[in-house]
Amino acid sequence: MHETGLQLIQKALAVLQIFAASQFGCSTGHVPQNMWSQDSTGLDYGPLLQRLEAAVEKVRVLGSRRHPSVEHVVSYTSTSTLGARDELTTAVRKELATALKDLLAHGLFSPSQTMSLVLAPISCLLPYRPAPQTMHPWELFVKYYHSKNGKAFVESPARQLSQSFSLNVGSGPGTVTPKQSFLWAIHAVLKEHGRYKRGPDTEFKALVCMALNEQRLVSWLNLLCKSGTLIHPHYQSWSYMAQTGFEGALRILGRISHLRFNLPMDLAVRQLKNIKDAF
């Protein structure tokens, strides 16, 4: 009796799927991008882009003012007192990183495989629009790291990551490519911040600081944006990423590519590290 009931349900779903596919274009394994409701305010990425541009300009001005030489070097030593009074560090972490995070988060969502399989056959018939599960941009970087077998790469004998995170991320044998340094950086942030259970905001800010230190913020973001198999399933069709490929934002960020930084990537966990070292 139970098996007969399941068979009837399966047949009913099959018929409904055929009807939906023929009449509305619904297909198995695909939930239409326009299924998720979004008001016109959320669709407009203009203000987010303006915030990023303003943050980049502030960092550029502060960086050039700190060291107006030809090389535009902005340097901090490991013993420097860093805090809210440090304008440049604050501008990078609280304004630039936040503006970049918000633009990356525009239209970003975490796809549910279960939802796709269940709702796809009838998604065109649903009278409501369920909201997608939001996703922090840092999670996208972690997914990139795992998709490229980052852990195996950085822990391979030929590519051992430096034990001291105060050294350059790209230190190692031979020529280091942007992809290799990108994987090293994500690994370093995960290892350094994971032990203290820090949140994604903190880890994202640390990565931005490392990217600026390496003068590879644009190249690392470009690698992420060009990863189609990762980007397409996680961004709505109306998102800034899907609409532009993030090209405008990369051009804006390129305005500070000539500056050389030595920003602290462990600022959020430094006090915790000091407490641990004291014991």
C-alpha atoms as a PDB file:
ATOM      1  CA  MET A   1       0.000   0.000   0.000  1.00  0.00           C
ATOM      2  CA  HIS A   2       2.842   2.362   0.941  1.00  0.00           C
ATOM      3  CA  GLU A   3       4.745   1.565  -2.275  1.00  0.00           C
ATOM      4  CA  THR A   4       1.608   2.121  -4.348  1.00  0.00           C
ATOM      5  CA  GLY A   5       1.173   5.553  -2.785  1.00  0.00           C
ATOM      6  CA  LEU A   6       4.771   6.529  -3.572  1.00  0.00           C
ATOM      7  CA  GLN A   7       4.379   5.382  -7.165  1.00  0.00           C
ATOM      8  CA  LEU A   8       1.266   7.506  -7.567  1.00  0.00           C
ATOM      9  CA  ILE A   9       3.074  10.560  -6.193  1.00  0.00           C
ATOM     10  CA  GLN A  10       6.034   9.963  -8.514  1.00  0.00           C
ATOM     11  CA  LYS A  11       3.727   9.651 -11.518  1.00  0.00           C
ATOM     12  CA  ALA A  12       1.885  12.814 -10.534  1.00  0.00           C
ATOM     13  CA  LEU A  13       5.159  14.750 -10.234  1.00  0.00           C
ATOM     14  CA  ALA A  14       6.316  13.398 -13.585  1.00  0.00           C
ATOM     15  CA  VAL A  15       3.115  14.558 -15.270  1.00  0.00           C
ATOM     16  CA  LEU A  16       3.376  17.962 -13.571  1.00  0.00           C
ATOM     17  CA  GLN A  17       6.985  18.294 -14.690  1.00  0.00           C
ATOM     18  CA  ILE A  18       6.102  17.511 -18.308  1.00  0.00           C
ATOM     19  CA  PHE A  19       3.280  20.039 -18.202  1.00  0.00           C
ATOM     20  CA  ALA A  20       5.463  22.737 -16.640  1.00  0.00           C
ATOM     21  CA  ALA A  21       8.281  22.119 -19.111  1.00  0.00           C
ATOM     22  CA  SER A  22       5.987  22.320 -22.120  1.00  0.00           C
ATOM     23  CA  GLN A  23       3.951  25.297 -20.968  1.00  0.00           C
ATOM     24  CA  PHE A  24       6.356  27.408 -18.921  1.00  0.00           C
ATOM     25  CA  GLY A  25       9.863  26.256 -19.752  1.00  0.00           C
ATOM     26  CA  CYS A  26      10.638  24.739 -16.347  1.00  0.00           C
ATOM     27  CA  SER A  27      13.152  21.913 -16.366  1.00  0.00           C
ATOM     28  CA  THR A  28      14.698  19.518 -13.882  1.00  0.00           C
ATOM     29  CA  GLY A  29      17.698  20.786 -11.952  1.00  0.00           C
ATOM     30  CA  HIS A  30      17.084  24.399 -12.880  1.00  0.00           C
ATOM     31  CA  VAL A  31      15.392  27.080 -10.840  1.00  0.00           C
ATOM     32  CA  PRO A  32      14.788  30.204 -12.957  1.00  0.00           C
ATOM     33  CA  GLN A  33      16.904  33.181 -11.966  1.00  0.00           C
ATOM     34  CA  ASN A  34      13.831  35.412 -11.827  1.00  0.00           C
ATOM     35  CA  MET A  35      12.238  33.081  -9.304  1.00  0.00           C
ATOM     36  CA  TRP A  36      13.679  35.101  -6.432  1.00  0.00           C
ATOM     37  CA  SER A  37      11.862  38.342  -5.769  1.00  0.00           C
ATOM     38  CA  GLN A  38      13.926  41.515  -5.638  1.00  0.00           C
ATOM     39  CA  ASP A  39      12.799  45.118  -5.399  1.00  0.00           C
ATOM     40  CA  SER A  40      14.198  47.828  -7.650  1.00  0.00           C
ATOM     41  CA  THR A  41      16.270  49.282  -4.812  1.00  0.00           C
ATOM     42  CA  GLY A  42      18.202  46.050  -4.351  1.00  0.00           C
ATOM     43  CA  LEU A  43      18.819  45.755  -8.081  1.00  0.00           C
ATOM     44  CA  ASP A  44      20.636  49.090  -8.274  1.00  0.00           C
ATOM     45  CA  TYR A  45      24.350  48.569  -7.693  1.00  0.00           C
ATOM     46  CA  GLY A  46      25.215  52.201  -8.451  1.00  0.00           C
ATOM     47  CA  PRO A  47      25.439  53.332  -4.802  1.00  0.00           C
ATOM     48  CA  LEU A  48      27.625  50.335  -3.951  1.00  0.00           C
ATOM     49  CA  LEU A  49      30.022  51.184  -6.766  1.00  0.00           C
ATOM     50  CA  GLN A  50      30.141  54.815  -5.644  1.00  0.00           C
ATOM     51  CA  ARG A  51      30.987  53.735  -2.089  1.00  0.00           C
ATOM     52  CA  LEU A  52      33.837  51.601  -3.399  1.00  0.00           C
ATOM     53  CA  GLU A  53      35.150  54.464  -5.504  1.00  0.00           C
ATOM     54  CA  ALA A  54      35.041  56.840  -2.525  1.00  0.00           C
ATOM     55  CA  ALA A  55      36.853  54.317  -0.310  1.00  0.00           C
ATOM     56  CA  VAL A  56      39.543  53.723  -2.939  1.00  0.00           C
ATOM     57  CA  GLU A  57      40.092  57.455  -3.323  1.00  0.00           C
ATOM     58  CA  LYS A  58      40.437  57.891   0.436  1.00  0.00           C
ATOM     59  CA  VAL A  59      42.999  55.080   0.649  1.00  0.00           C
ATOM     60  CA  ARG A  60      44.881  56.523  -2.322  1.00  0.00           C
ATOM     61  CA  VAL A  61      45.057  59.982  -0.762  1.00  0.00           C
ATOM     62  CA  LEU A  62      46.064  58.688   2.674  1.00  0.00           C
ATOM     63  CA  GLY A  63      48.645  56.350   1.191  1.00  0.00           C
ATOM     64  CA  SER A  64      50.242  59.048  -0.933  1.00  0.00           C
ATOM     65  CA  ARG A  65      50.204  61.519   1.959  1.00  0.00           C
ATOM     66  CA  ARG A  66      51.927  59.092   4.317  1.00  0.00           C
ATOM     67  CA  HIS A  67      54.910  58.671   2.034  1.00  0.00           C
ATOM     68  CA  PRO A  68      54.927  61.116  -0.894  1.00  0.00           C
ATOM     69  CA  SER A  69      57.979  59.538  -2.527  1.00  0.00           C
ATOM     70  CA  VAL A  70      58.100  58.063  -6.002  1.00  0.00           C
ATOM     71  CA  GLU A  71      57.600  54.540  -4.674  1.00  0.00           C
ATOM     72  CA  HIS A  72      54.548  55.486  -2.574  1.00  0.00           C
ATOM     73  CA  VAL A  73      55.581  53.163   0.250  1.00  0.00           C
ATOM     74  CA  VAL A  74      53.241  52.861   3.219  1.00  0.00           C
ATOM     75  CA  SER A  75      55.094  50.944   5.905  1.00  0.00           C
ATOM     76  CA  TYR A  76      54.242  49.593   9.332  1.00  0.00           C
ATOM     77  CA  THR A  77      56.544  47.570  11.535  1.00  0.00           C
ATOM     78  CA  SER A  78      55.330  44.575  13.515  1.00  0.00           C
ATOM     79  CA  THR A  79      55.874  46.516  16.734  1.00  0.00           C
ATOM     80  CA  SER A  80      53.795  49.515  15.698  1.00  0.00           C
ATOM     81  CA  THR A  81      50.744  50.418  17.725  1.00  0.00           C
ATOM     82  CA  LEU A  82      47.847  49.893  15.360  1.00  0.00           C
ATOM     83  CA  GLY A  83      44.321  50.875  16.185  1.00  0.00           C
ATOM     84  CA  ALA A  84      41.480  53.232  15.440  1.00  0.00           C
ATOM     85  CA  ARG A  85      43.868  56.197  15.353  1.00  0.00           C
ATOM     86  CA  ASP A  86      45.700  54.791  12.367  1.00  0.00           C
ATOM     87  CA  GLU A  87      43.777  56.445   9.550  1.00  0.00           C
ATOM     88  CA  LEU A  88      45.075  54.322   6.708  1.00  0.00           C
ATOM     89  CA  THR A  89      44.556  50.979   8.430  1.00  0.00           C
ATOM     90  CA  THR A  90      41.068  52.053   9.468  1.00  0.00           C
ATOM     91  CA  ALA A  91      40.245  53.264   5.972  1.00  0.00           C
ATOM     92  CA  VAL A  92      41.335  49.964   4.437  1.00  0.00           C
ATOM     93  CA  ARG A  93      39.592  47.692   6.932  1.00  0.00           C
ATOM     94  CA  LYS A  94      36.408  49.628   7.668  1.00  0.00           C
ATOM     95  CA  GLU A  95      35.767  51.437   4.401  1.00  0.00           C
ATOM     96  CA  LEU A  96      37.570  49.792   1.488  1.00  0.00           C
ATOM     97  CA  ALA A  97      37.089  46.191   2.636  1.00  0.00           C
ATOM     98  CA  THR A  98      33.467  46.832   3.620  1.00  0.00           C
ATOM     99  CA  ALA A  99      32.608  48.533   0.323  1.00  0.00           C
ATOM    100  CA  LEU A 100      34.274  45.722  -1.629  1.00  0.00           C
ATOM    101  CA  LYS A 101      32.454  43.094   0.434  1.00  0.00           C
ATOM    102  CA  ASP A 102      29.075  44.741  -0.160  1.00  0.00           C
ATOM    103  CA  LEU A 103      29.629  44.924  -3.918  1.00  0.00           C
ATOM    104  CA  LEU A 104      30.716  41.285  -4.048  1.00  0.00           C
ATOM    105  CA  ALA A 105      27.612  40.402  -2.015  1.00  0.00           C
ATOM    106  CA  HIS A 106      25.250  42.030  -4.533  1.00  0.00           C
ATOM    107  CA  GLY A 107      23.079  39.187  -5.832  1.00  0.00           C
ATOM    108  CA  LEU A 108      25.247  36.544  -4.159  1.00  0.00           C
ATOM    109  CA  PHE A 109      23.409  33.529  -2.768  1.00  0.00           C
ATOM    110  CA  SER A 110      24.004  29.978  -1.636  1.00  0.00           C
ATOM    111  CA  PRO A 111      22.233  27.570  -4.000  1.00  0.00           C
ATOM    112  CA  SER A 112      20.354  24.704  -2.401  1.00  0.00           C
ATOM    113  CA  GLN A 113      20.594  21.445  -4.311  1.00  0.00           C
ATOM    114  CA  THR A 114      17.558  20.084  -2.503  1.00  0.00           C
ATOM    115  CA  MET A 115      15.505  23.153  -3.363  1.00  0.00           C
ATOM    116  CA  SER A 116      16.535  22.924  -7.015  1.00  0.00           C
ATOM    117  CA  LEU A 117      15.496  19.289  -7.321  1.00  0.00           C
ATOM    118  CA  VAL A 118      12.193  19.748  -5.520  1.00  0.00           C
ATOM    119  CA  LEU A 119      11.072  23.113  -6.868  1.00  0.00           C
ATOM    120  CA  ALA A 120      12.411  22.977 -10.406  1.00  0.00           C
ATOM    121  CA  PRO A 121       9.521  20.927 -11.851  1.00  0.00           C
ATOM    122  CA  ILE A 122       6.929  23.333 -10.443  1.00  0.00           C
ATOM    123  CA  SER A 123       8.886  26.576  -9.960  1.00  0.00           C
ATOM    124  CA  CYS A 124       7.007  28.336 -12.759  1.00  0.00           C
ATOM    125  CA  LEU A 125       3.699  27.496 -11.082  1.00  0.00           C
ATOM    126  CA  LEU A 126       4.542  28.756  -7.606  1.00  0.00           C
ATOM    127  CA  PRO A 127       2.384  31.720  -6.513  1.00  0.00           C
ATOM    128  CA  TYR A 128       5.123  32.986  -4.170  1.00  0.00           C
ATOM    129  CA  ARG A 129       8.813  33.766  -4.441  1.00  0.00           C
ATOM    130  CA  PRO A 130      10.885  32.186  -1.647  1.00  0.00           C
ATOM    131  CA  ALA A 131      13.950  34.189  -0.659  1.00  0.00           C
ATOM    132  CA  PRO A 132      17.362  32.635  -1.392  1.00  0.00           C
ATOM    133  CA  GLN A 133      19.849  31.918   1.357  1.00  0.00           C
ATOM    134  CA  THR A 134      22.363  34.732   1.603  1.00  0.00           C
ATOM    135  CA  MET A 135      26.074  34.051   1.437  1.00  0.00           C
ATOM    136  CA  HIS A 136      29.076  36.016   2.701  1.00  0.00           C
ATOM    137  CA  PRO A 137      31.644  36.844  -0.017  1.00  0.00           C
ATOM    138  CA  TRP A 138      34.390  35.269   2.097  1.00  0.00           C
ATOM    139  CA  GLU A 139      32.653  31.916   1.628  1.00  0.00           C
ATOM    140  CA  LEU A 140      33.124  32.331  -2.120  1.00  0.00           C
ATOM    141  CA  PHE A 141      36.884  32.703  -1.630  1.00  0.00           C
ATOM    142  CA  VAL A 142      36.934  29.585   0.528  1.00  0.00           C
ATOM    143  CA  LYS A 143      35.006  27.677  -2.156  1.00  0.00           C
ATOM    144  CA  TYR A 144      37.588  28.807  -4.716  1.00  0.00           C
ATOM    145  CA  TYR A 145      40.355  27.564  -2.420  1.00  0.00           C
ATOM    146  CA  HIS A 146      38.733  24.142  -2.095  1.00  0.00           C
ATOM    147  CA  SER A 147      37.854  23.898  -5.794  1.00  0.00           C
ATOM    148  CA  LYS A 148      41.539  24.378  -6.657  1.00  0.00           C
ATOM    149  CA  ASN A 149      42.701  21.852  -4.020  1.00  0.00           C
ATOM    150  CA  GLY A 150      44.337  24.700  -2.136  1.00  0.00           C
ATOM    151  CA  LYS A 151      45.218  22.737   0.985  1.00  0.00           C
ATOM    152  CA  ALA A 152      46.999  20.010  -0.986  1.00  0.00           C
ATOM    153  CA  PHE A 153      48.827  22.642  -3.021  1.00  0.00           C
ATOM    154  CA  VAL A 154      50.203  24.722  -0.153  1.00  0.00           C
ATOM    155  CA  GLU A 155      51.136  21.670   1.905  1.00  0.00           C
ATOM    156  CA  SER A 156      52.982  19.910  -0.900  1.00  0.00           C
ATOM    157  CA  PRO A 157      56.738  19.471  -0.252  1.00  0.00           C
ATOM    158  CA  ALA A 158      57.668  21.741  -3.160  1.00  0.00           C
ATOM    159  CA  ARG A 159      55.302  24.512  -2.065  1.00  0.00           C
ATOM    160  CA  GLN A 160      55.546  24.690   1.702  1.00  0.00           C
ATOM    161  CA  LEU A 161      53.934  27.781   3.137  1.00  0.00           C
ATOM    162  CA  SER A 162      56.224  29.889   5.314  1.00  0.00           C
ATOM    163  CA  GLN A 163      55.771  29.257   9.044  1.00  0.00           C
ATOM    164  CA  SER A 164      55.916  32.965   9.746  1.00  0.00           C
ATOM    165  CA  PHE A 165      52.935  34.915   8.405  1.00  0.00           C
ATOM    166  CA  SER A 166      54.896  38.125   8.706  1.00  0.00           C
ATOM    167  CA  LEU A 167      56.783  37.079   5.580  1.00  0.00           C
ATOM    168  CA  ASN A 168      55.493  37.662   2.080  1.00  0.00           C
ATOM    169  CA  VAL A 169      52.772  35.258   1.058  1.00  0.00           C
ATOM    170  CA  GLY A 170      54.545  34.605  -2.197  1.00  0.00           C
ATOM    171  CA  SER A 171      57.852  33.580  -0.649  1.00  0.00           C
ATOM    172  CA  GLY A 172      58.925  30.224  -1.983  1.00  0.00           C
ATOM    173  CA  PRO A 173      60.946  28.467  -4.639  1.00  0.00           C
ATOM    174  CA  GLY A 174      60.729  29.587  -8.246  1.00  0.00           C
ATOM    175  CA  THR A 175      58.363  32.076  -9.808  1.00  0.00           C
ATOM    176  CA  VAL A 176      55.091  32.477  -7.945  1.00  0.00           C
ATOM    177  CA  THR A 177      51.994  32.983 -10.071  1.00  0.00           C
ATOM    178  CA  PRO A 178      48.976  35.062  -8.986  1.00  0.00           C
ATOM    179  CA  LYS A 179      46.970  31.855  -8.576  1.00  0.00           C
ATOM    180  CA  GLN A 180      49.597  30.301  -6.307  1.00  0.00           C
ATOM    181  CA  SER A 181      49.913  33.407  -4.141  1.00  0.00           C
ATOM    182  CA  PHE A 182      46.103  33.638  -4.005  1.00  0.00           C
ATOM    183  CA  LEU A 183      45.810  30.090  -2.668  1.00  0.00           C
ATOM    184  CA  TRP A 184      48.601  30.753  -0.183  1.00  0.00           C
ATOM    185  CA  ALA A 185      46.847  33.888   1.061  1.00  0.00           C
ATOM    186  CA  ILE A 186      43.485  32.178   1.615  1.00  0.00           C
ATOM    187  CA  HIS A 187      45.252  29.314   3.376  1.00  0.00           C
ATOM    188  CA  ALA A 188      47.131  31.749   5.609  1.00  0.00           C
ATOM    189  CA  VAL A 189      43.947  33.575   6.620  1.00  0.00           C
ATOM    190  CA  LEU A 190      42.101  30.326   7.323  1.00  0.00           C
ATOM    191  CA  LYS A 191      44.965  29.021   9.440  1.00  0.00           C
ATOM    192  CA  GLU A 192      45.657  32.274  11.278  1.00  0.00           C
ATOM    193  CA  HIS A 193      42.050  33.202  12.052  1.00  0.00           C
ATOM    194  CA  GLY A 194      40.438  29.768  12.218  1.00  0.00           C
ATOM    195  CA  ARG A 195      42.134  28.876  15.491  1.00  0.00           C
ATOM    196  CA  TYR A 196      40.492  31.905  17.135  1.00  0.00           C
ATOM    197  CA  LYS A 197      37.044  31.241  15.627  1.00  0.00           C
ATOM    198  CA  ARG A 198      36.860  34.620  13.920  1.00  0.00           C
ATOM    199  CA  GLY A 199      33.935  35.509  11.664  1.00  0.00           C
ATOM    200  CA  PRO A 200      33.912  35.923   7.867  1.00  0.00           C
ATOM    201  CA  ASP A 201      34.091  39.731   8.078  1.00  0.00           C
ATOM    202  CA  THR A 202      37.394  39.536   9.927  1.00  0.00           C
ATOM    203  CA  GLU A 203      38.813  36.955   7.537  1.00  0.00           C
ATOM    204  CA  PHE A 204      37.760  38.959   4.497  1.00  0.00           C
ATOM    205  CA  LYS A 205      39.453  42.097   5.853  1.00  0.00           C
ATOM    206  CA  ALA A 206      42.620  40.116   6.497  1.00  0.00           C
ATOM    207  CA  LEU A 207      42.644  38.881   2.899  1.00  0.00           C
ATOM    208  CA  VAL A 208      42.184  42.420   1.558  1.00  0.00           C
ATOM    209  CA  CYS A 209      45.150  43.595   3.640  1.00  0.00           C
ATOM    210  CA  MET A 210      47.307  40.744   2.348  1.00  0.00           C
ATOM    211  CA  ALA A 211      46.254  41.462  -1.227  1.00  0.00           C
ATOM    212  CA  LEU A 212      47.261  45.113  -0.886  1.00  0.00           C
ATOM    213  CA  ASN A 213      50.576  44.112   0.690  1.00  0.00           C
ATOM    214  CA  GLU A 214      51.283  41.843  -2.273  1.00  0.00           C
ATOM    215  CA  GLN A 215      50.006  44.420  -4.802  1.00  0.00           C
ATOM    216  CA  ARG A 216      47.716  41.694  -6.113  1.00  0.00           C
ATOM    217  CA  LEU A 217      44.241  42.757  -5.068  1.00  0.00           C
ATOM    218  CA  VAL A 218      43.113  43.202  -8.677  1.00  0.00           C
ATOM    219  CA  SER A 219      44.758  40.020  -9.971  1.00  0.00           C
ATOM    220  CA  TRP A 220      43.350  37.880  -7.149  1.00  0.00           C
ATOM    221  CA  LEU A 221      39.842  39.244  -7.609  1.00  0.00           C
ATOM    222  CA  ASN A 222      40.165  38.741 -11.347  1.00  0.00           C
ATOM    223  CA  LEU A 223      40.954  35.058 -10.781  1.00  0.00           C
ATOM    224  CA  LEU A 224      37.814  34.703  -8.690  1.00  0.00           C
ATOM    225  CA  CYS A 225      35.625  36.582 -11.163  1.00  0.00           C
ATOM    226  CA  LYS A 226      36.879  34.495 -14.088  1.00  0.00           C
ATOM    227  CA  SER A 227      36.018  31.233 -12.326  1.00  0.00           C
ATOM    228  CA  GLY A 228      32.774  30.662 -14.208  1.00  0.00           C
ATOM    229  CA  THR A 229      31.923  27.313 -12.638  1.00  0.00           C
ATOM    230  CA  LEU A 230      32.003  29.022  -9.243  1.00  0.00           C
ATOM    231  CA  ILE A 231      30.488  32.391 -10.132  1.00  0.00           C
ATOM    232  CA  HIS A 232      27.507  31.348 -12.256  1.00  0.00           C
ATOM    233  CA  PRO A 233      25.751  29.127  -9.681  1.00  0.00           C
ATOM    234  CA  HIS A 234      26.139  31.721  -6.915  1.00  0.00           C
ATOM    235  CA  TYR A 235      25.058  34.985  -8.545  1.00  0.00           C
ATOM    236  CA  GLN A 236      21.656  36.179  -9.673  1.00  0.00           C
ATOM    237  CA  SER A 237      21.351  37.328 -13.278  1.00  0.00           C
ATOM    238  CA  TRP A 238      20.703  40.906 -12.077  1.00  0.00           C
ATOM    239  CA  SER A 239      23.793  41.024  -9.848  1.00  0.00           C
ATOM    240  CA  TYR A 240      26.685  43.383 -10.485  1.00  0.00           C
ATOM    241  CA  MET A 241      28.976  40.389 -10.986  1.00  0.00           C
ATOM    242  CA  ALA A 242      26.741  38.777 -13.621  1.00  0.00           C
ATOM    243  CA  GLN A 243      25.992  42.049 -15.396  1.00  0.00           C
ATOM    244  CA  THR A 244      29.528  43.435 -15.627  1.00  0.00           C
ATOM    245  CA  GLY A 245      31.977  40.689 -14.692  1.00  0.00           C
ATOM    246  CA  PHE A 246      33.173  43.063 -11.939  1.00  0.00           C
ATOM    247  CA  GLU A 247      35.264  44.902 -14.537  1.00  0.00           C
ATOM    248  CA  GLY A 248      34.359  48.417 -13.404  1.00  0.00           C
ATOM    249  CA  ALA A 249      35.248  47.635  -9.800  1.00  0.00           C
ATOM    250  CA  LEU A 250      38.581  46.137 -10.862  1.00  0.00           C
ATOM    251  CA  ARG A 251      39.427  49.303 -12.789  1.00  0.00           C
ATOM    252  CA  ILE A 252      38.618  51.406  -9.725  1.00  0.00           C
ATOM    253  CA  LEU A 253      40.762  49.194  -7.483  1.00  0.00           C
ATOM    254  CA  GLY A 254      43.569  49.510 -10.009  1.00  0.00           C
ATOM    255  CA  ARG A 255      43.980  53.139  -8.928  1.00  0.00           C
ATOM    256  CA  ILE A 256      45.811  51.998  -5.787  1.00  0.00           C
ATOM    257  CA  SER A 257      47.775  49.169  -7.401  1.00  0.00           C
ATOM    258  CA  HIS A 258      50.911  51.342  -7.527  1.00  0.00           C
ATOM    259  CA  LEU A 259      50.934  51.839  -3.754  1.00  0.00           C
ATOM    260  CA  ARG A 260      53.044  49.503  -1.644  1.00  0.00           C
ATOM    261  CA  PHE A 261      51.540  48.555   1.699  1.00  0.00           C
ATOM    262  CA  ASN A 262      52.623  46.635   4.743  1.00  0.00           C
ATOM    263  CA  LEU A 263      49.274  46.372   6.494  1.00  0.00           C
ATOM    264  CA  PRO A 264      48.637  44.003   9.423  1.00  0.00           C
ATOM    265  CA  MET A 265      46.611  40.969   8.409  1.00  0.00           C
ATOM    266  CA  ASP A 266      46.324  39.727  12.001  1.00  0.00           C
ATOM    267  CA  LEU A 267      45.028  42.929  13.580  1.00  0.00           C
ATOM    268  CA  ALA A 268      41.744  41.341  14.694  1.00  0.00           C
ATOM    269  CA  VAL A 269      43.471  38.401  16.391  1.00  0.00           C
ATOM    270  CA  ARG A 270      46.678  40.062  17.588  1.00  0.00           C
ATOM    271  CA  GLN A 271      45.396  40.654  21.111  1.00  0.00           C
ATOM    272  CA  LEU A 272      44.238  37.041  21.370  1.00  0.00           C
ATOM    273  CA  LYS A 273      47.640  35.862  20.149  1.00  0.00           C
ATOM    274  CA  ASN A 274      49.394  38.015  22.738  1.00  0.00           C
ATOM    275  CA  ILE A 275      47.221  36.580  25.510  1.00  0.00           C
ATOM    276  CA  LYS A 276      47.979  33.048  24.346  1.00  0.00           C
ATOM    277  CA  ASP A 277      51.712  33.772  24.163  1.00  0.00           C
ATOM    278  CA  ALA A 278      51.642  35.171  27.702  1.00  0.00           C
ATOM    279  CA  PHE A 279      50.586  31.772  29.003  1.00  0.00           C
END
